[in-house]
Amino acid sequence: MLWFWLSIPLAAVFFGAWYLIPMWMVLTHPDWGPQPAAGHSAQTAGPEPVAAPDRPEHPADALALAGLGR
């Protein structure tokens, strides 16, 4: 059972390295990463406009538009 308790500090060291090394890299070098291409903005465009359908979705609506409906 002693081997189990001796492996706990080793696991803590590996877990700490797994977590702390990437965090240290991110916090000390925030400007790393892909840069936007020349002439392009990093901001996203607004939502695209929604086009109205060319024809009604229901046949009764088509008759109403043609003046033949009730």
N, C-alpha and C. Protein backbone atom coordinates (compact mmCIF):
# COMPACT_ATOMS: atom_id res chain seq x y z
N MET A 1 0.82 -1.19 0.00
CA MET A 1 0.00 0.00 0.00
C MET A 1 0.86 1.25 0.00
N LEU A 2 2.09 1.11 0.40
CA LEU A 2 3.00 2.25 0.43
C LEU A 2 3.22 2.81 -0.97
N TRP A 3 3.26 1.92 -1.97
CA TRP A 3 3.47 2.37 -3.35
C TRP A 3 2.35 3.30 -3.80
N PHE A 4 1.11 3.06 -3.32
CA PHE A 4 -0.01 3.93 -3.69
C PHE A 4 0.22 5.34 -3.15
N TRP A 5 0.58 5.45 -1.89
CA TRP A 5 0.77 6.78 -1.30
C TRP A 5 2.01 7.46 -1.85
N LEU A 6 2.98 6.73 -2.34
CA LEU A 6 4.14 7.35 -2.97
C LEU A 6 3.82 7.84 -4.37
N SER A 7 2.81 7.26 -5.01
CA SER A 7 2.48 7.69 -6.36
C SER A 7 1.61 8.95 -6.37
N ILE A 8 0.98 9.30 -5.25
CA ILE A 8 0.14 10.50 -5.19
C ILE A 8 0.95 11.77 -5.46
N PRO A 9 2.10 12.00 -4.83
CA PRO A 9 2.88 13.21 -5.17
C PRO A 9 3.33 13.22 -6.63
N LEU A 10 3.66 12.06 -7.16
CA LEU A 10 4.07 12.00 -8.56
C LEU A 10 2.91 12.37 -9.48
N ALA A 11 1.72 11.89 -9.17
CA ALA A 11 0.54 12.23 -9.96
C ALA A 11 0.25 13.72 -9.84
N ALA A 12 0.42 14.29 -8.67
CA ALA A 12 0.19 15.73 -8.48
C ALA A 12 1.18 16.55 -9.30
N VAL A 13 2.41 16.11 -9.38
CA VAL A 13 3.41 16.82 -10.19
C VAL A 13 3.04 16.78 -11.66
N PHE A 14 2.65 15.62 -12.16
CA PHE A 14 2.29 15.51 -13.57
C PHE A 14 1.02 16.29 -13.89
N PHE A 15 0.03 16.24 -13.00
CA PHE A 15 -1.19 17.00 -13.22
C PHE A 15 -0.90 18.50 -13.18
N GLY A 16 -0.08 18.93 -12.25
CA GLY A 16 0.30 20.34 -12.18
C GLY A 16 1.02 20.80 -13.44
N ALA A 17 1.91 19.98 -13.95
CA ALA A 17 2.62 20.34 -15.18
C ALA A 17 1.65 20.38 -16.36
N TRP A 18 0.71 19.44 -16.38
CA TRP A 18 -0.26 19.37 -17.47
C TRP A 18 -1.14 20.61 -17.48
N TYR A 19 -1.44 21.16 -16.33
CA TYR A 19 -2.30 22.33 -16.23
C TYR A 19 -1.50 23.64 -16.25
N LEU A 20 -0.42 23.72 -15.49
CA LEU A 20 0.27 24.99 -15.29
C LEU A 20 1.14 25.42 -16.47
N ILE A 21 1.75 24.49 -17.17
CA ILE A 21 2.60 24.89 -18.31
C ILE A 21 1.77 25.55 -19.42
N PRO A 22 0.64 24.96 -19.86
CA PRO A 22 -0.16 25.67 -20.87
C PRO A 22 -0.72 27.00 -20.36
N MET A 23 -1.13 27.05 -19.09
CA MET A 23 -1.65 28.31 -18.55
C MET A 23 -0.56 29.38 -18.53
N TRP A 24 0.64 29.00 -18.18
CA TRP A 24 1.75 29.94 -18.17
C TRP A 24 2.03 30.45 -19.60
N MET A 25 1.96 29.56 -20.58
CA MET A 25 2.19 29.96 -21.96
C MET A 25 1.12 30.95 -22.43
N VAL A 26 -0.13 30.69 -22.09
CA VAL A 26 -1.23 31.56 -22.51
C VAL A 26 -1.12 32.92 -21.84
N LEU A 27 -0.83 32.94 -20.57
CA LEU A 27 -0.80 34.20 -19.83
C LEU A 27 0.43 35.06 -20.15
N THR A 28 1.54 34.43 -20.49
CA THR A 28 2.74 35.22 -20.78
C THR A 28 2.87 35.59 -22.24
N HIS A 29 2.19 34.92 -23.13
CA HIS A 29 2.28 35.21 -24.57
C HIS A 29 0.89 35.35 -25.18
N PRO A 30 0.12 36.37 -24.83
CA PRO A 30 -1.25 36.47 -25.34
C PRO A 30 -1.34 36.83 -26.82
N ASP A 31 -0.25 37.31 -27.41
CA ASP A 31 -0.30 37.72 -28.81
C ASP A 31 0.02 36.59 -29.78
N TRP A 32 0.27 35.40 -29.30
CA TRP A 32 0.52 34.27 -30.19
C TRP A 32 -0.77 33.83 -30.85
N GLY A 33 -0.67 33.30 -32.04
CA GLY A 33 -1.85 32.80 -32.74
C GLY A 33 -1.90 33.35 -34.14
N PRO A 34 -2.85 32.87 -34.92
CA PRO A 34 -2.96 33.33 -36.30
C PRO A 34 -3.37 34.80 -36.35
N GLN A 35 -2.77 35.52 -37.27
CA GLN A 35 -3.10 36.92 -37.48
C GLN A 35 -4.08 37.03 -38.64
N PRO A 36 -5.00 38.01 -38.61
CA PRO A 36 -5.91 38.16 -39.74
C PRO A 36 -5.16 38.57 -41.00
N ALA A 37 -5.66 38.14 -42.13
CA ALA A 37 -5.03 38.48 -43.40
C ALA A 37 -5.13 39.98 -43.64
N ALA A 38 -4.26 40.50 -44.47
CA ALA A 38 -4.25 41.93 -44.77
C ALA A 38 -5.57 42.34 -45.41
N GLY A 39 -6.13 43.43 -44.94
CA GLY A 39 -7.36 43.94 -45.52
C GLY A 39 -8.61 43.32 -44.94
N HIS A 40 -8.46 42.41 -43.99
CA HIS A 40 -9.63 41.77 -43.39
C HIS A 40 -9.75 42.21 -41.94
N SER A 41 -10.96 42.42 -41.55
CA SER A 41 -11.24 42.80 -40.17
C SER A 41 -11.40 41.56 -39.32
N ALA A 42 -11.03 41.66 -38.05
CA ALA A 42 -11.21 40.54 -37.14
C ALA A 42 -12.65 40.47 -36.64
N GLN A 43 -13.42 41.53 -36.90
CA GLN A 43 -14.81 41.53 -36.44
C GLN A 43 -15.67 40.78 -37.45
N THR A 44 -16.71 40.18 -36.94
CA THR A 44 -17.62 39.47 -37.83
C THR A 44 -18.66 40.44 -38.39
N ALA A 45 -19.16 40.12 -39.55
CA ALA A 45 -20.19 40.94 -40.17
C ALA A 45 -21.51 40.69 -39.45
N GLY A 46 -22.45 41.55 -39.68
CA GLY A 46 -23.77 41.39 -39.09
C GLY A 46 -24.50 40.22 -39.71
N PRO A 47 -25.69 39.94 -39.25
CA PRO A 47 -26.43 38.81 -39.82
C PRO A 47 -26.82 39.10 -41.27
N GLU A 48 -26.86 38.04 -42.04
CA GLU A 48 -27.23 38.19 -43.45
C GLU A 48 -28.72 38.48 -43.56
N PRO A 49 -29.10 39.31 -44.51
CA PRO A 49 -30.54 39.59 -44.66
C PRO A 49 -31.28 38.34 -45.14
N VAL A 50 -32.49 38.20 -44.68
CA VAL A 50 -33.31 37.05 -45.06
C VAL A 50 -34.17 37.45 -46.25
N ALA A 51 -34.09 36.70 -47.32
CA ALA A 51 -34.85 37.01 -48.53
C ALA A 51 -36.27 36.43 -48.39
N ALA A 52 -37.23 37.17 -48.90
CA ALA A 52 -38.61 36.68 -48.90
C ALA A 52 -38.74 35.58 -49.93
N PRO A 53 -39.59 34.59 -49.69
CA PRO A 53 -39.74 33.51 -50.67
C PRO A 53 -40.37 34.05 -51.97
N ASP A 54 -39.97 33.45 -53.09
CA ASP A 54 -40.48 33.87 -54.39
C ASP A 54 -41.93 33.45 -54.60
N ARG A 55 -42.32 32.37 -53.96
CA ARG A 55 -43.69 31.90 -54.12
C ARG A 55 -44.25 31.51 -52.76
N PRO A 56 -45.56 31.56 -52.62
CA PRO A 56 -46.16 31.18 -51.34
C PRO A 56 -45.91 29.71 -51.03
N GLU A 57 -45.88 29.40 -49.75
CA GLU A 57 -45.60 28.03 -49.35
C GLU A 57 -46.83 27.14 -49.43
N HIS A 58 -48.02 27.71 -49.39
CA HIS A 58 -49.24 26.92 -49.38
C HIS A 58 -50.06 27.27 -50.62
N PRO A 59 -50.68 26.29 -51.29
CA PRO A 59 -51.45 26.59 -52.50
C PRO A 59 -52.60 27.56 -52.26
N ALA A 60 -53.22 27.53 -51.08
CA ALA A 60 -54.32 28.46 -50.81
C ALA A 60 -53.82 29.90 -50.80
N ASP A 61 -52.61 30.11 -50.36
CA ASP A 61 -52.03 31.46 -50.37
C ASP A 61 -51.81 31.92 -51.81
N ALA A 62 -51.44 31.01 -52.69
CA ALA A 62 -51.24 31.37 -54.09
C ALA A 62 -52.56 31.80 -54.72
N LEU A 63 -53.65 31.11 -54.40
CA LEU A 63 -54.96 31.48 -54.94
C LEU A 63 -55.39 32.84 -54.40
N ALA A 64 -55.12 33.10 -53.14
CA ALA A 64 -55.50 34.38 -52.54
C ALA A 64 -54.71 35.50 -53.20
N LEU A 65 -53.46 35.27 -53.51
CA LEU A 65 -52.67 36.31 -54.16
C LEU A 65 -53.16 36.58 -55.58
N ALA A 66 -53.67 35.54 -56.24
CA ALA A 66 -54.14 35.69 -57.61
C ALA A 66 -55.55 36.25 -57.66
N GLY A 67 -56.23 36.39 -56.51
CA GLY A 67 -57.57 36.92 -56.48
C GLY A 67 -58.63 35.87 -56.69
N LEU A 68 -58.25 34.60 -56.65
CA LEU A 68 -59.20 33.52 -56.89
C LEU A 68 -59.64 32.85 -55.59
N GLY A 69 -59.07 33.26 -54.49
CA GLY A 69 -59.41 32.64 -53.22
C GLY A 69 -60.68 33.22 -52.64
N ARG A 70 -61.11 32.68 -51.52
CA ARG A 70 -62.34 33.13 -50.88
C ARG A 70 -62.21 34.46 -50.28
